[in-house]
Structure formats: structure tokens, C-alpha cells
Amino acid sequence: MNRTVAALAPIASRWQMLLLTVVLAAAVSFFVAPAAFPVGQAETVRAPVIKLNDDRFGNILATRGRKALYYWNVEKRANGRVRCTGACARAWPPLVVRSRAAVPRRVAGIPGRFGVIRRPDGRLQVTHRGLPVYTYAHEGPNQVLCDNVNGWFVVRL
């Protein structure tokens, strides 16, 4: 019996060391990690949107590629639920991201909150003030061609 206890002692010691290592790693990440990052999420995530000044509409919301962003009144009446799919989404491409973490809740200099909504095809679409946002397929950078066209409105800031 003494031999069995002596043989198990190194195993118990290894398990104790492993447990201690895990506990210490968790403690370090709990206390050190928050100090390594800024308090505001806006500084840690590069937003997929910018504020763009347009000659006719003033400050508007745009993609980083300087394409104007729009919302659709049909979705506004549907409490922000996605209604633009299929041919609509080909004409009005949604602003999509790979993950929720890619969209900060707030963006410095831009009023309103941002978020994401899951589209029927499973992709994540950026929202502003609770509404999904879209570009227009036939517009280039720095253009606003479709404000107040068939219920589509440029997002004014």
C-alpha cells in the first residue's frame, strides 16, 4: 500500500502544478488584460463607417470607401427588420461585416449607436440607430444619387 501512495505522489504533484498554472493564468488575464486596452470600444475597433461631408446633404454616413449609406423606409416601418433581399440587395448592397466585434457601438464624431443584424442569408449587416444600412450599386465614392427615391434615404448626421 505504501508503494501505491508513493507512486501516486508525483502524479498528484503534477496535477496540483497544472491547476496552479491555470489559476494564475486566469488571474493575470483578469487583472492585466483590461488595463492593456482603452476603456472606449471606439478606440479599439476600426469602424466600418465614416462621416462624409456632402455639398447637398451636409454630413452623411458613408463606408470607409466613401460610398454613401442609405436606410429604407420599409425597414424603418418594420422596426429595423431586414426586408431588402434578392434583387433589392443586388441594387442596394448591404454593408456587411464578418463579426459583431467589427462594429463598435459608438464611433467618435458620429451620433447614434451602431450594431449588427443577421440577414436572412446569415451574414451580419451593420445597423445605425437600429436600421440596416446599404450602399447603392450604381453609385461611386462621394456620390449621393438616390436620396428620397422609392423610400430610400441617405443617412444624414
N, C-alpha and C. Protein backbone atom coordinates (compact mmCIF):
# COMPACT_ATOMS: atom_id res chain seq x y z
N MET A 1 0.83 -1.19 0.00
CA MET A 1 0.00 0.00 0.00
C MET A 1 0.87 1.25 0.00
N ASN A 2 1.95 1.26 0.72
CA ASN A 2 2.85 2.41 0.74
C ASN A 2 3.44 2.67 -0.63
N ARG A 3 3.69 1.59 -1.37
CA ARG A 3 4.23 1.76 -2.72
C ARG A 3 3.22 2.49 -3.62
N THR A 4 1.94 2.17 -3.49
CA THR A 4 0.91 2.80 -4.30
C THR A 4 0.83 4.30 -4.00
N VAL A 5 0.84 4.65 -2.75
CA VAL A 5 0.79 6.07 -2.35
C VAL A 5 2.03 6.79 -2.85
N ALA A 6 3.19 6.19 -2.73
CA ALA A 6 4.43 6.81 -3.20
C ALA A 6 4.42 6.98 -4.71
N ALA A 7 3.84 6.03 -5.44
CA ALA A 7 3.78 6.11 -6.90
C ALA A 7 2.82 7.21 -7.35
N LEU A 8 1.78 7.45 -6.59
CA LEU A 8 0.78 8.46 -6.97
C LEU A 8 1.21 9.88 -6.59
N ALA A 9 2.15 10.02 -5.68
CA ALA A 9 2.57 11.34 -5.23
C ALA A 9 3.05 12.23 -6.38
N PRO A 10 3.91 11.76 -7.32
CA PRO A 10 4.33 12.64 -8.42
C PRO A 10 3.16 13.04 -9.33
N ILE A 11 2.18 12.14 -9.52
CA ILE A 11 1.02 12.46 -10.37
C ILE A 11 0.20 13.56 -9.72
N ALA A 12 -0.06 13.41 -8.41
CA ALA A 12 -0.82 14.44 -7.70
C ALA A 12 -0.09 15.77 -7.75
N SER A 13 1.23 15.72 -7.63
CA SER A 13 2.02 16.94 -7.68
C SER A 13 1.91 17.62 -9.06
N ARG A 14 1.92 16.82 -10.12
CA ARG A 14 1.77 17.40 -11.46
C ARG A 14 0.40 18.04 -11.65
N TRP A 15 -0.66 17.38 -11.14
CA TRP A 15 -1.99 17.94 -11.25
C TRP A 15 -2.12 19.24 -10.46
N GLN A 16 -1.50 19.28 -9.30
CA GLN A 16 -1.52 20.50 -8.49
C GLN A 16 -0.81 21.63 -9.23
N MET A 17 0.31 21.33 -9.87
CA MET A 17 1.05 22.35 -10.63
C MET A 17 0.23 22.84 -11.82
N LEU A 18 -0.44 21.92 -12.51
CA LEU A 18 -1.28 22.30 -13.64
C LEU A 18 -2.42 23.19 -13.17
N LEU A 19 -3.06 22.81 -12.10
CA LEU A 19 -4.15 23.61 -11.55
C LEU A 19 -3.67 25.00 -11.14
N LEU A 20 -2.53 25.05 -10.48
CA LEU A 20 -1.96 26.33 -10.08
C LEU A 20 -1.64 27.20 -11.29
N THR A 21 -1.10 26.60 -12.34
CA THR A 21 -0.78 27.35 -13.56
C THR A 21 -2.04 27.93 -14.19
N VAL A 22 -3.11 27.14 -14.26
CA VAL A 22 -4.37 27.62 -14.85
C VAL A 22 -4.95 28.75 -14.02
N VAL A 23 -4.94 28.59 -12.71
CA VAL A 23 -5.48 29.64 -11.83
C VAL A 23 -4.67 30.93 -11.96
N LEU A 24 -3.36 30.82 -11.99
CA LEU A 24 -2.52 32.01 -12.14
C LEU A 24 -2.74 32.69 -13.49
N ALA A 25 -2.86 31.91 -14.55
CA ALA A 25 -3.10 32.49 -15.88
C ALA A 25 -4.42 33.23 -15.92
N ALA A 26 -5.44 32.64 -15.31
CA ALA A 26 -6.75 33.30 -15.27
C ALA A 26 -6.68 34.60 -14.47
N ALA A 27 -5.97 34.58 -13.35
CA ALA A 27 -5.85 35.78 -12.52
C ALA A 27 -5.10 36.88 -13.25
N VAL A 28 -4.04 36.54 -13.94
CA VAL A 28 -3.27 37.53 -14.69
C VAL A 28 -4.12 38.15 -15.79
N SER A 29 -4.86 37.31 -16.56
CA SER A 29 -5.68 37.86 -17.63
C SER A 29 -6.81 38.72 -17.09
N PHE A 30 -7.32 38.38 -15.91
CA PHE A 30 -8.40 39.17 -15.32
C PHE A 30 -7.94 40.55 -14.89
N PHE A 31 -6.75 40.64 -14.32
CA PHE A 31 -6.28 41.91 -13.79
C PHE A 31 -5.45 42.72 -14.78
N VAL A 32 -4.71 42.07 -15.67
CA VAL A 32 -3.81 42.78 -16.58
C VAL A 32 -4.49 43.13 -17.89
N ALA A 33 -5.28 42.23 -18.46
CA ALA A 33 -5.86 42.45 -19.79
C ALA A 33 -6.70 43.72 -19.88
N PRO A 34 -7.59 44.01 -18.91
CA PRO A 34 -8.38 45.24 -19.05
C PRO A 34 -7.52 46.49 -19.07
N ALA A 35 -6.40 46.49 -18.38
CA ALA A 35 -5.55 47.67 -18.35
C ALA A 35 -4.81 47.85 -19.67
N ALA A 36 -4.71 46.80 -20.46
CA ALA A 36 -3.98 46.87 -21.73
C ALA A 36 -4.81 47.49 -22.84
N PHE A 37 -6.13 47.64 -22.65
CA PHE A 37 -6.99 48.16 -23.69
C PHE A 37 -7.68 49.43 -23.23
N PRO A 38 -7.97 50.35 -24.15
CA PRO A 38 -8.69 51.57 -23.78
C PRO A 38 -10.10 51.24 -23.30
N VAL A 39 -10.65 52.15 -22.51
CA VAL A 39 -11.98 51.94 -21.96
C VAL A 39 -13.03 51.98 -23.05
N GLY A 40 -12.97 52.93 -23.99
CA GLY A 40 -13.97 53.04 -25.03
C GLY A 40 -13.70 52.09 -26.17
N GLN A 41 -14.74 51.37 -26.60
CA GLN A 41 -14.57 50.41 -27.69
C GLN A 41 -14.28 51.13 -29.00
N ALA A 42 -14.71 52.36 -29.16
CA ALA A 42 -14.49 53.08 -30.41
C ALA A 42 -13.01 53.19 -30.75
N GLU A 43 -12.16 53.23 -29.73
CA GLU A 43 -10.73 53.34 -29.99
C GLU A 43 -10.10 52.00 -30.35
N THR A 44 -10.72 50.89 -29.99
CA THR A 44 -10.11 49.59 -30.19
C THR A 44 -10.52 48.93 -31.50
N VAL A 45 -11.62 49.34 -32.10
CA VAL A 45 -12.13 48.73 -33.32
C VAL A 45 -12.19 49.80 -34.41
N ARG A 46 -11.65 49.50 -35.57
CA ARG A 46 -11.74 50.44 -36.69
C ARG A 46 -13.13 50.31 -37.29
N ALA A 47 -13.91 51.35 -37.17
CA ALA A 47 -15.31 51.32 -37.60
C ALA A 47 -15.42 51.14 -39.11
N PRO A 48 -16.45 50.44 -39.56
CA PRO A 48 -16.65 50.25 -41.00
C PRO A 48 -17.29 51.47 -41.67
N VAL A 49 -17.51 52.54 -40.91
CA VAL A 49 -18.17 53.74 -41.43
C VAL A 49 -17.36 54.99 -41.10
N ILE A 50 -17.64 56.04 -41.87
CA ILE A 50 -17.03 57.35 -41.61
C ILE A 50 -18.10 58.42 -41.75
N LYS A 51 -17.78 59.62 -41.28
CA LYS A 51 -18.61 60.79 -41.52
C LYS A 51 -18.06 61.46 -42.77
N LEU A 52 -18.93 61.70 -43.74
CA LEU A 52 -18.53 62.30 -45.01
C LEU A 52 -19.32 63.58 -45.22
N ASN A 53 -18.66 64.66 -45.62
CA ASN A 53 -19.36 65.91 -45.86
C ASN A 53 -19.75 65.99 -47.33
N ASP A 54 -21.05 66.10 -47.58
CA ASP A 54 -21.58 66.20 -48.94
C ASP A 54 -22.07 67.62 -49.16
N ASP A 55 -21.86 68.15 -50.36
CA ASP A 55 -22.24 69.53 -50.67
C ASP A 55 -23.74 69.78 -50.50
N ARG A 56 -24.58 68.82 -50.87
CA ARG A 56 -26.03 69.00 -50.78
C ARG A 56 -26.62 68.60 -49.44
N PHE A 57 -26.10 67.52 -48.84
CA PHE A 57 -26.74 66.94 -47.66
C PHE A 57 -25.99 67.19 -46.35
N GLY A 58 -24.86 67.84 -46.42
CA GLY A 58 -24.07 68.06 -45.20
C GLY A 58 -23.37 66.78 -44.80
N ASN A 59 -23.25 66.56 -43.50
CA ASN A 59 -22.58 65.35 -43.02
C ASN A 59 -23.49 64.14 -43.19
N ILE A 60 -22.95 63.12 -43.84
CA ILE A 60 -23.68 61.88 -44.05
C ILE A 60 -22.82 60.71 -43.59
N LEU A 61 -23.47 59.57 -43.42
CA LEU A 61 -22.77 58.34 -43.07
C LEU A 61 -22.31 57.67 -44.36
N ALA A 62 -21.06 57.18 -44.37
CA ALA A 62 -20.51 56.54 -45.57
C ALA A 62 -19.62 55.37 -45.16
N THR A 63 -19.31 54.53 -46.15
CA THR A 63 -18.36 53.45 -45.91
C THR A 63 -16.96 54.05 -45.86
N ARG A 64 -15.98 53.26 -45.43
CA ARG A 64 -14.60 53.74 -45.45
C ARG A 64 -14.16 54.02 -46.88
N GLY A 65 -14.82 53.39 -47.85
CA GLY A 65 -14.53 53.66 -49.26
C GLY A 65 -15.27 54.89 -49.79
N ARG A 66 -15.89 55.67 -48.89
CA ARG A 66 -16.55 56.94 -49.19
C ARG A 66 -17.84 56.78 -50.01
N LYS A 67 -18.48 55.62 -49.91
CA LYS A 67 -19.78 55.42 -50.56
C LYS A 67 -20.88 55.76 -49.56
N ALA A 68 -21.84 56.56 -50.00
CA ALA A 68 -22.94 56.98 -49.14
C ALA A 68 -23.71 55.76 -48.63
N LEU A 69 -24.21 55.87 -47.41
CA LEU A 69 -25.05 54.81 -46.83
C LEU A 69 -26.49 55.29 -46.72
N TYR A 70 -27.40 54.35 -46.95
CA TYR A 70 -28.83 54.63 -47.00
C TYR A 70 -29.59 53.72 -46.05
N TYR A 71 -30.77 54.17 -45.65
CA TYR A 71 -31.73 53.30 -44.98
C TYR A 71 -32.99 53.28 -45.82
N TRP A 72 -33.82 52.25 -45.61
CA TRP A 72 -35.05 52.09 -46.39
C TRP A 72 -36.24 52.24 -45.46
N ASN A 73 -37.18 53.11 -45.84
CA ASN A 73 -38.37 53.36 -45.02
C ASN A 73 -39.18 52.10 -44.74
N VAL A 74 -39.18 51.14 -45.67
CA VAL A 74 -39.90 49.88 -45.46
C VAL A 74 -39.36 49.18 -44.21
N GLU A 75 -38.03 49.19 -44.05
CA GLU A 75 -37.42 48.57 -42.88
C GLU A 75 -37.62 49.41 -41.63
N LYS A 76 -37.71 50.70 -41.80
CA LYS A 76 -37.99 51.57 -40.65
C LYS A 76 -39.38 51.25 -40.10
N ARG A 77 -40.35 51.09 -41.00
CA ARG A 77 -41.71 50.74 -40.57
C ARG A 77 -41.78 49.32 -39.99
N ALA A 78 -40.82 48.46 -40.38
CA ALA A 78 -40.78 47.08 -39.89
C ALA A 78 -39.90 46.96 -38.65
N ASN A 79 -39.66 48.09 -37.97
CA ASN A 79 -38.86 48.12 -36.73
C ASN A 79 -37.44 47.59 -36.93
N GLY A 80 -36.84 47.90 -38.08
CA GLY A 80 -35.45 47.55 -38.32
C GLY A 80 -35.22 46.14 -38.84
N ARG A 81 -36.28 45.38 -39.13
CA ARG A 81 -36.10 44.04 -39.67
C ARG A 81 -35.72 44.12 -41.14
N VAL A 82 -34.84 43.24 -41.57
CA VAL A 82 -34.35 43.24 -42.96
C VAL A 82 -35.48 42.82 -43.90
N ARG A 83 -35.73 43.67 -44.89
CA ARG A 83 -36.73 43.38 -45.92
C ARG A 83 -36.11 43.42 -47.32
N CYS A 84 -34.92 43.98 -47.43
CA CYS A 84 -34.25 44.11 -48.73
C CYS A 84 -33.38 42.87 -48.96
N THR A 85 -33.88 41.95 -49.78
CA THR A 85 -33.17 40.72 -50.12
C THR A 85 -33.26 40.51 -51.63
N GLY A 86 -32.55 39.52 -52.15
CA GLY A 86 -32.64 39.17 -53.57
C GLY A 86 -32.22 40.32 -54.47
N ALA A 87 -33.10 40.65 -55.44
CA ALA A 87 -32.81 41.72 -56.40
C ALA A 87 -32.63 43.06 -55.69
N CYS A 88 -33.39 43.27 -54.64
CA CYS A 88 -33.24 44.52 -53.87
C CYS A 88 -31.82 44.63 -53.34
N ALA A 89 -31.31 43.56 -52.76
CA ALA A 89 -29.96 43.59 -52.17
C ALA A 89 -28.87 43.66 -53.23
N ARG A 90 -29.17 43.27 -54.46
CA ARG A 90 -28.19 43.45 -55.54
C ARG A 90 -28.12 44.92 -55.96
N ALA A 91 -29.26 45.60 -55.97
CA ALA A 91 -29.27 47.03 -56.29
C ALA A 91 -28.80 47.87 -55.11
N TRP A 92 -29.11 47.41 -53.92
CA TRP A 92 -28.77 48.11 -52.68
C TRP A 92 -27.94 47.16 -51.80
N PRO A 93 -26.64 47.02 -52.10
CA PRO A 93 -25.81 46.09 -51.33
C PRO A 93 -25.73 46.48 -49.85
N PRO A 94 -26.04 45.52 -48.97
CA PRO A 94 -25.94 45.81 -47.54
C PRO A 94 -24.49 45.97 -47.12
N LEU A 95 -24.26 46.79 -46.11
CA LEU A 95 -22.93 46.91 -45.52
C LEU A 95 -22.79 45.74 -44.54
N VAL A 96 -21.98 44.75 -44.92
CA VAL A 96 -21.82 43.55 -44.10
C VAL A 96 -20.43 43.50 -43.47
N VAL A 97 -20.35 42.82 -42.35
CA VAL A 97 -19.09 42.62 -41.62
C VAL A 97 -18.98 41.14 -41.27
N ARG A 98 -17.75 40.73 -40.93
CA ARG A 98 -17.51 39.32 -40.60
C ARG A 98 -17.94 38.94 -39.19
N SER A 99 -17.93 39.93 -38.28
CA SER A 99 -18.28 39.60 -36.90
C SER A 99 -18.86 40.83 -36.20
N ARG A 100 -19.57 40.57 -35.11
CA ARG A 100 -20.12 41.66 -34.29
C ARG A 100 -19.00 42.54 -33.74
N ALA A 101 -17.86 41.92 -33.45
CA ALA A 101 -16.74 42.66 -32.87
C ALA A 101 -16.19 43.71 -33.83
N ALA A 102 -16.50 43.61 -35.12
CA ALA A 102 -16.00 44.57 -36.11
C ALA A 102 -16.76 45.89 -36.09
N VAL A 103 -17.82 45.96 -35.29
CA VAL A 103 -18.67 47.17 -35.27
C VAL A 103 -18.73 47.72 -33.85
N PRO A 104 -18.07 48.85 -33.60
CA PRO A 104 -18.18 49.46 -32.27
C PRO A 104 -19.58 50.03 -32.07
N ARG A 105 -20.03 50.06 -30.83
CA ARG A 105 -21.36 50.62 -30.53
C ARG A 105 -21.40 52.12 -30.83
N ARG A 106 -20.30 52.79 -30.55
CA ARG A 106 -20.20 54.24 -30.79
C ARG A 106 -18.98 54.50 -31.66
N VAL A 107 -19.09 55.52 -32.50
CA VAL A 107 -17.97 55.96 -33.34
C VAL A 107 -17.75 57.43 -33.06
N ALA A 108 -16.53 57.79 -32.71
CA ALA A 108 -16.22 59.18 -32.37
C ALA A 108 -16.63 60.11 -33.51
N GLY A 109 -17.35 61.18 -33.16
CA GLY A 109 -17.76 62.18 -34.13
C GLY A 109 -19.03 61.84 -34.90
N ILE A 110 -19.61 60.67 -34.65
CA ILE A 110 -20.84 60.27 -35.35
C ILE A 110 -21.92 59.98 -34.30
N PRO A 111 -23.02 60.73 -34.35
CA PRO A 111 -24.09 60.48 -33.38
C PRO A 111 -24.82 59.16 -33.65
N GLY A 112 -25.41 58.60 -32.61
CA GLY A 112 -26.18 57.37 -32.75
C GLY A 112 -25.35 56.14 -32.45
N ARG A 113 -26.06 55.06 -32.21
CA ARG A 113 -25.40 53.78 -31.89
C ARG A 113 -25.37 52.89 -33.12
N PHE A 114 -24.34 52.07 -33.16
CA PHE A 114 -24.18 51.09 -34.24
C PHE A 114 -24.37 49.69 -33.68
N GLY A 115 -24.68 48.77 -34.56
CA GLY A 115 -24.84 47.37 -34.18
C GLY A 115 -24.84 46.53 -35.44
N VAL A 116 -25.29 45.31 -35.29
CA VAL A 116 -25.43 44.41 -36.44
C VAL A 116 -26.75 43.67 -36.34
N ILE A 117 -27.22 43.21 -37.48
CA ILE A 117 -28.41 42.38 -37.55
C ILE A 117 -28.08 41.22 -38.49
N ARG A 118 -28.59 40.03 -38.17
CA ARG A 118 -28.34 38.88 -39.03
C ARG A 118 -29.33 38.90 -40.18
N ARG A 119 -28.80 38.89 -41.39
CA ARG A 119 -29.63 38.88 -42.59
C ARG A 119 -30.18 37.47 -42.83
N PRO A 120 -31.23 37.35 -43.63
CA PRO A 120 -31.78 36.02 -43.92
C PRO A 120 -30.75 35.04 -44.51
N ASP A 121 -29.73 35.57 -45.20
CA ASP A 121 -28.69 34.69 -45.77
C ASP A 121 -27.60 34.35 -44.75
N GLY A 122 -27.74 34.83 -43.51
CA GLY A 122 -26.80 34.50 -42.44
C GLY A 122 -25.70 35.52 -42.22
N ARG A 123 -25.49 36.44 -43.16
CA ARG A 123 -24.44 37.44 -42.99
C ARG A 123 -24.87 38.49 -41.97
N LEU A 124 -23.87 39.18 -41.39
CA LEU A 124 -24.13 40.24 -40.42
C LEU A 124 -24.10 41.59 -41.12
N GLN A 125 -25.15 42.36 -40.95
CA GLN A 125 -25.26 43.68 -41.57
C GLN A 125 -25.16 44.76 -40.51
N VAL A 126 -24.45 45.83 -40.85
CA VAL A 126 -24.29 46.97 -39.94
C VAL A 126 -25.62 47.71 -39.82
N THR A 127 -25.91 48.12 -38.59
CA THR A 127 -27.09 48.97 -38.35
C THR A 127 -26.63 50.29 -37.72
N HIS A 128 -27.40 51.33 -37.99
CA HIS A 128 -27.19 52.64 -37.37
C HIS A 128 -28.54 53.10 -36.85
N ARG A 129 -28.57 53.40 -35.56
CA ARG A 129 -29.82 53.78 -34.89
C ARG A 129 -30.90 52.71 -35.11
N GLY A 130 -30.48 51.47 -35.12
CA GLY A 130 -31.41 50.35 -35.22
C GLY A 130 -31.86 49.99 -36.62
N LEU A 131 -31.37 50.71 -37.63
CA LEU A 131 -31.78 50.42 -39.01
C LEU A 131 -30.62 49.87 -39.83
N PRO A 132 -30.86 48.82 -40.62
CA PRO A 132 -29.82 48.30 -41.51
C PRO A 132 -29.42 49.37 -42.52
N VAL A 133 -28.12 49.41 -42.86
CA VAL A 133 -27.65 50.42 -43.83
C VAL A 133 -27.11 49.74 -45.09
N TYR A 134 -27.25 50.45 -46.20
CA TYR A 134 -26.94 49.94 -47.52
C TYR A 134 -26.21 50.98 -48.35
N THR A 135 -25.45 50.52 -49.34
CA THR A 135 -24.92 51.41 -50.37
C THR A 135 -25.85 51.27 -51.58
N TYR A 136 -25.60 52.06 -52.62
CA TYR A 136 -26.34 51.91 -53.86
C TYR A 136 -25.36 51.42 -54.92
N ALA A 137 -25.71 50.34 -55.61
CA ALA A 137 -24.78 49.66 -56.53
C ALA A 137 -24.29 50.55 -57.67
N HIS A 138 -25.08 51.52 -58.08
CA HIS A 138 -24.72 52.35 -59.24
C HIS A 138 -24.12 53.70 -58.84
N GLU A 139 -23.67 53.78 -57.62
CA GLU A 139 -23.02 54.99 -57.13
C GLU A 139 -21.54 54.73 -56.91
N GLY A 140 -20.76 55.77 -57.16
CA GLY A 140 -19.34 55.70 -56.85
C GLY A 140 -19.05 56.43 -55.55
N PRO A 141 -17.79 56.50 -55.18
CA PRO A 141 -17.42 57.27 -53.99
C PRO A 141 -17.82 58.73 -54.14
N ASN A 142 -18.19 59.34 -53.02
CA ASN A 142 -18.53 60.77 -52.96
C ASN A 142 -19.75 61.13 -53.79
N GLN A 143 -20.65 60.20 -54.02
CA GLN A 143 -21.89 60.48 -54.76
C GLN A 143 -23.09 60.17 -53.89
N VAL A 144 -24.15 60.97 -54.05
CA VAL A 144 -25.44 60.69 -53.43
C VAL A 144 -26.47 60.89 -54.53
N LEU A 145 -26.92 59.78 -55.13
CA LEU A 145 -27.84 59.85 -56.26
C LEU A 145 -29.28 59.50 -55.90
N CYS A 146 -29.50 58.85 -54.78
CA CYS A 146 -30.82 58.27 -54.54
C CYS A 146 -31.49 58.67 -53.24
N ASP A 147 -31.26 59.87 -52.76
CA ASP A 147 -31.97 60.29 -51.56
C ASP A 147 -33.43 60.52 -51.91
N ASN A 148 -34.33 59.97 -51.10
CA ASN A 148 -35.77 60.10 -51.30
C ASN A 148 -36.23 59.49 -52.63
N VAL A 149 -35.68 58.33 -52.95
CA VAL A 149 -36.07 57.60 -54.15
C VAL A 149 -36.66 56.26 -53.69
N ASN A 150 -37.93 56.04 -53.98
CA ASN A 150 -38.62 54.79 -53.62
C ASN A 150 -38.45 54.42 -52.15
N GLY A 151 -38.46 55.41 -51.30
CA GLY A 151 -38.37 55.16 -49.86
C GLY A 151 -36.95 55.01 -49.32
N TRP A 152 -35.92 55.21 -50.16
CA TRP A 152 -34.53 55.15 -49.71
C TRP A 152 -34.06 56.54 -49.36
N PHE A 153 -33.35 56.67 -48.23
CA PHE A 153 -32.86 57.96 -47.78
C PHE A 153 -31.41 57.84 -47.33
N VAL A 154 -30.61 58.83 -47.72
CA VAL A 154 -29.24 58.87 -47.26
C VAL A 154 -29.25 59.10 -45.76
N VAL A 155 -28.30 58.48 -45.05
CA VAL A 155 -28.24 58.65 -43.60
C VAL A 155 -27.53 59.96 -43.31
N ARG A 156 -28.30 60.94 -42.85
CA ARG A 156 -27.76 62.25 -42.50
C ARG A 156 -27.35 62.25 -41.03
N LEU A 157 -26.26 62.95 -40.76
CA LEU A 157 -25.76 63.02 -39.39
C LEU A 157 -25.97 64.39 -38.79
